[in-house]
């Protein structure tokens, strides 16, 4: 393996974790009380024939 290719591969390996998922700060699970309410069937008008 050429030295240039080895340097490129090592750089990519070391920099890959910096890409991450975009979440800032520690990961967490949302509280159960903050869940979005379920959509009711009344929210959309019924189809008329």
PDB file of N, CA and C in Angstrom:
ATOM      1  N   UNK A   1       0.858  -1.175   0.000  1.00  0.00           N
ATOM      2  CA  UNK A   1       0.000   0.000   0.000  1.00  0.00           C
ATOM      3  C   UNK A   1       0.901   1.234   0.000  1.00  0.00           C
ATOM      4  N   UNK A   2       0.548   2.163  -0.837  1.00  0.00           N
ATOM      5  CA  UNK A   2       1.383   3.354  -0.916  1.00  0.00           C
ATOM      6  C   UNK A   2       1.187   4.221   0.323  1.00  0.00           C
ATOM      7  N   UNK A   3       2.188   5.003   0.614  1.00  0.00           N
ATOM      8  CA  UNK A   3       2.141   5.857   1.805  1.00  0.00           C
ATOM      9  C   UNK A   3       1.014   6.887   1.706  1.00  0.00           C
ATOM     10  N   UNK A   4       0.788   7.392   0.511  1.00  0.00           N
ATOM     11  CA  UNK A   4      -0.261   8.393   0.326  1.00  0.00           C
ATOM     12  C   UNK A   4      -1.653   7.788   0.582  1.00  0.00           C
ATOM     13  N   UNK A   5      -1.884   6.591   0.101  1.00  0.00           N
ATOM     14  CA  UNK A   5      -3.157   5.918   0.314  1.00  0.00           C
ATOM     15  C   UNK A   5      -3.343   5.578   1.791  1.00  0.00           C
ATOM     16  N   UNK A   6      -2.282   5.153   2.450  1.00  0.00           N
ATOM     17  CA  UNK A   6      -2.360   4.833   3.868  1.00  0.00           C
ATOM     18  C   UNK A   6      -2.687   6.084   4.688  1.00  0.00           C
ATOM     19  N   UNK A   7      -2.098   7.211   4.333  1.00  0.00           N
ATOM     20  CA  UNK A   7      -2.371   8.465   5.028  1.00  0.00           C
ATOM     21  C   UNK A   7      -3.823   8.891   4.817  1.00  0.00           C
ATOM     22  N   UNK A   8      -4.318   8.746   3.603  1.00  0.00           N
ATOM     23  CA  UNK A   8      -5.696   9.086   3.301  1.00  0.00           C
ATOM     24  C   UNK A   8      -6.666   8.201   4.090  1.00  0.00           C
ATOM     25  N   UNK A   9      -6.424   6.918   4.125  1.00  0.00           N
ATOM     26  CA  UNK A   9      -7.289   5.987   4.843  1.00  0.00           C
ATOM     27  C   UNK A   9      -7.276   6.279   6.342  1.00  0.00           C
ATOM     28  N   UNK A  10      -6.120   6.548   6.901  1.00  0.00           N
ATOM     29  CA  UNK A  10      -6.013   6.856   8.318  1.00  0.00           C
ATOM     30  C   UNK A  10      -6.739   8.161   8.645  1.00  0.00           C
ATOM     31  N   UNK A  11      -6.604   9.145   7.782  1.00  0.00           N
ATOM     32  CA  UNK A  11      -7.297  10.418   7.991  1.00  0.00           C
ATOM     33  C   UNK A  11      -8.803  10.233   7.971  1.00  0.00           C
ATOM     34  N   UNK A  12      -9.301   9.465   7.024  1.00  0.00           N
ATOM     35  CA  UNK A  12     -10.738   9.211   6.939  1.00  0.00           C
ATOM     36  C   UNK A  12     -11.232   8.453   8.163  1.00  0.00           C
ATOM     37  N   UNK A  13     -10.446   7.503   8.621  1.00  0.00           N
ATOM     38  CA  UNK A  13     -10.829   6.723   9.792  1.00  0.00           C
ATOM     39  C   UNK A  13     -10.897   7.594  11.040  1.00  0.00           C
ATOM     40  N   UNK A  14      -9.968   8.514  11.191  1.00  0.00           N
ATOM     41  CA  UNK A  14      -9.940   9.372  12.367  1.00  0.00           C
ATOM     42  C   UNK A  14     -10.982  10.484  12.314  1.00  0.00           C
ATOM     43  N   UNK A  15     -11.356  10.936  11.120  1.00  0.00           N
ATOM     44  CA  UNK A  15     -12.304  12.038  10.982  1.00  0.00           C
ATOM     45  C   UNK A  15     -13.760  11.573  10.875  1.00  0.00           C
ATOM     46  N   UNK A  16     -13.993  10.303  10.608  1.00  0.00           N
ATOM     47  CA  UNK A  16     -15.357   9.791  10.441  1.00  0.00           C
ATOM     48  C   UNK A  16     -16.240  10.021  11.674  1.00  0.00           C
ATOM     49  N   UNK A  17     -15.759   9.817  12.894  1.00  0.00           N
ATOM     50  CA  UNK A  17     -16.630  10.047  14.059  1.00  0.00           C
ATOM     51  C   UNK A  17     -17.072  11.501  14.209  1.00  0.00           C
ATOM     52  N   UNK A  18     -16.356  12.435  13.614  1.00  0.00           N
ATOM     53  CA  UNK A  18     -16.740  13.836  13.715  1.00  0.00           C
ATOM     54  C   UNK A  18     -18.002  14.140  12.909  1.00  0.00           C
ATOM     55  N   UNK A  19     -18.304  13.320  11.920  1.00  0.00           N
ATOM     56  CA  UNK A  19     -19.491  13.534  11.103  1.00  0.00           C
ATOM     57  C   UNK A  19     -20.742  13.354  11.954  1.00  0.00           C
ATOM     58  N   UNK A  20     -20.807  12.283  12.728  1.00  0.00           N
ATOM     59  CA  UNK A  20     -21.917  12.049  13.647  1.00  0.00           C
ATOM     60  C   UNK A  20     -23.272  12.128  12.975  1.00  0.00           C
ATOM     61  N   UNK A  21     -24.294  12.312  13.770  1.00  0.00           N
ATOM     62  CA  UNK A  21     -25.659  12.382  13.259  1.00  0.00           C
ATOM     63  C   UNK A  21     -26.211  13.798  13.305  1.00  0.00           C
ATOM     64  N   UNK A  22     -25.504  14.730  13.862  1.00  0.00           N
ATOM     65  CA  UNK A  22     -25.979  16.097  13.937  1.00  0.00           C
ATOM     66  C   UNK A  22     -26.599  16.456  15.278  1.00  0.00           C
ATOM     67  N   UNK A  23     -26.806  15.485  16.139  1.00  0.00           N
ATOM     68  CA  UNK A  23     -27.390  15.747  17.460  1.00  0.00           C
ATOM     69  C   UNK A  23     -26.340  16.420  18.329  1.00  0.00           C
ATOM     70  N   UNK A  24     -26.654  17.587  18.843  1.00  0.00           N
ATOM     71  CA  UNK A  24     -25.737  18.290  19.738  1.00  0.00           C
ATOM     72  C   UNK A  24     -26.006  17.836  21.164  1.00  0.00           C
ATOM     73  N   UNK A  25     -24.979  17.624  21.927  1.00  0.00           N
ATOM     74  CA  UNK A  25     -25.149  17.227  23.324  1.00  0.00           C
ATOM     75  C   UNK A  25     -25.390  15.734  23.460  1.00  0.00           C
ATOM     76  N   UNK A  26     -25.644  15.287  24.669  1.00  0.00           N
ATOM     77  CA  UNK A  26     -25.827  13.856  24.911  1.00  0.00           C
ATOM     78  C   UNK A  26     -27.151  13.349  24.335  1.00  0.00           C
ATOM     79  N   UNK A  27     -27.180  12.084  23.972  1.00  0.00           N
ATOM     80  CA  UNK A  27     -28.411  11.483  23.483  1.00  0.00           C
ATOM     81  C   UNK A  27     -29.335  11.214  24.660  1.00  0.00           C
ATOM     82  N   UNK A  28     -30.627  11.270  24.436  1.00  0.00           N
ATOM     83  CA  UNK A  28     -31.590  11.064  25.515  1.00  0.00           C
ATOM     84  C   UNK A  28     -32.879  10.491  24.937  1.00  0.00           C
ATOM     85  N   UNK A  29     -33.687   9.910  25.800  1.00  0.00           N
ATOM     86  CA  UNK A  29     -35.015   9.448  25.427  1.00  0.00           C
ATOM     87  C   UNK A  29     -36.013  10.514  25.853  1.00  0.00           C
ATOM     88  N   UNK A  30     -36.985  10.845  24.999  1.00  0.00           N
ATOM     89  CA  UNK A  30     -37.957  11.865  25.379  1.00  0.00           C
ATOM     90  C   UNK A  30     -38.850  11.375  26.511  1.00  0.00           C
ATOM     91  N   UNK A  31     -39.317  12.311  27.341  1.00  0.00           N
ATOM     92  CA  UNK A  31     -40.225  11.964  28.424  1.00  0.00           C
ATOM     93  C   UNK A  31     -41.543  11.471  27.845  1.00  0.00           C
ATOM     94  N   UNK A  32     -42.187  10.549  28.556  1.00  0.00           N
ATOM     95  CA  UNK A  32     -43.460  10.016  28.076  1.00  0.00           C
ATOM     96  C   UNK A  32     -44.540  11.094  28.057  1.00  0.00           C
ATOM     97  N   UNK A  33     -44.461  12.059  28.947  1.00  0.00           N
ATOM     98  CA  UNK A  33     -45.483  13.107  29.010  1.00  0.00           C
ATOM     99  C   UNK A  33     -45.394  14.073  27.838  1.00  0.00           C
ATOM    100  N   UNK A  34     -44.293  14.099  27.110  1.00  0.00           N
ATOM    101  CA  UNK A  34     -44.114  15.027  25.998  1.00  0.00           C
ATOM    102  C   UNK A  34     -44.422  14.392  24.641  1.00  0.00           C
ATOM    103  N   UNK A  35     -45.009  13.208  24.637  1.00  0.00           N
ATOM    104  CA  UNK A  35     -45.314  12.555  23.371  1.00  0.00           C
ATOM    105  C   UNK A  35     -46.424  13.308  22.659  1.00  0.00           C
ATOM    106  N   UNK A  36     -46.379  13.311  21.342  1.00  0.00           N
ATOM    107  CA  UNK A  36     -47.411  13.975  20.552  1.00  0.00           C
ATOM    108  C   UNK A  36     -48.711  13.194  20.676  1.00  0.00           C
ATOM    109  N   UNK A  37     -49.829  13.899  20.802  1.00  0.00           N
ATOM    110  CA  UNK A  37     -51.113  13.196  20.906  1.00  0.00           C
ATOM    111  C   UNK A  37     -51.440  12.477  19.609  1.00  0.00           C
ATOM    112  N   UNK A  38     -52.095  11.342  19.733  1.00  0.00           N
ATOM    113  CA  UNK A  38     -52.462  10.570  18.556  1.00  0.00           C
ATOM    114  C   UNK A  38     -53.509  11.324  17.756  1.00  0.00           C
ATOM    115  N   UNK A  39     -53.398  11.277  16.443  1.00  0.00           N
ATOM    116  CA  UNK A  39     -54.356  11.962  15.584  1.00  0.00           C
ATOM    117  C   UNK A  39     -55.683  11.215  15.617  1.00  0.00           C
ATOM    118  N   UNK A  40     -56.764  11.967  15.740  1.00  0.00           N
ATOM    119  CA  UNK A  40     -58.081  11.335  15.757  1.00  0.00           C
ATOM    120  C   UNK A  40     -58.591  11.178  14.331  1.00  0.00           C
ATOM    121  N   UNK A  41     -59.589  10.325  14.172  1.00  0.00           N
ATOM    122  CA  UNK A  41     -60.167  10.095  12.840  1.00  0.00           C
ATOM    123  C   UNK A  41     -60.981  11.279  12.361  1.00  0.00           C
ATOM    124  N   UNK A  42     -61.354  12.192  13.255  1.00  0.00           N
ATOM    125  CA  UNK A  42     -62.171  13.337  12.898  1.00  0.00           C
ATOM    126  C   UNK A  42     -61.375  14.449  12.221  1.00  0.00           C
ATOM    127  N   UNK A  43     -60.068  14.314  12.187  1.00  0.00           N
ATOM    128  CA  UNK A  43     -59.246  15.397  11.657  1.00  0.00           C
ATOM    129  C   UNK A  43     -59.348  15.537  10.143  1.00  0.00           C
ATOM    130  N   UNK A  44     -59.770  14.481   9.439  1.00  0.00           N
ATOM    131  CA  UNK A  44     -59.900  14.557   7.997  1.00  0.00           C
ATOM    132  C   UNK A  44     -61.362  14.420   7.619  1.00  0.00           C
ATOM    133  N   UNK A  45     -61.825  15.193   6.647  1.00  0.00           N
ATOM    134  CA  UNK A  45     -63.224  15.089   6.260  1.00  0.00           C
ATOM    135  C   UNK A  45     -63.518  13.752   5.576  1.00  0.00           C
ATOM    136  N   UNK A  46     -64.743  13.297   5.735  1.00  0.00           N
ATOM    137  CA  UNK A  46     -65.151  12.036   5.134  1.00  0.00           C
ATOM    138  C   UNK A  46     -65.353  12.235   3.636  1.00  0.00           C
ATOM    139  N   UNK A  47     -65.065  11.212   2.869  1.00  0.00           N
ATOM    140  CA  UNK A  47     -65.257  11.277   1.424  1.00  0.00           C
ATOM    141  C   UNK A  47     -66.745  11.218   1.105  1.00  0.00           C
ATOM    142  N   UNK A  48     -67.174  12.052   0.196  1.00  0.00           N
ATOM    143  CA  UNK A  48     -68.578  12.054  -0.196  1.00  0.00           C
ATOM    144  C   UNK A  48     -68.742  11.367  -1.535  1.00  0.00           C
ATOM    145  N   UNK A  49     -69.735  10.499  -1.621  1.00  0.00           N
ATOM    146  CA  UNK A  49     -69.977   9.771  -2.875  1.00  0.00           C
ATOM    147  C   UNK A  49     -71.037  10.434  -3.692  1.00  0.00           C
TER     148      UNK A  49
END
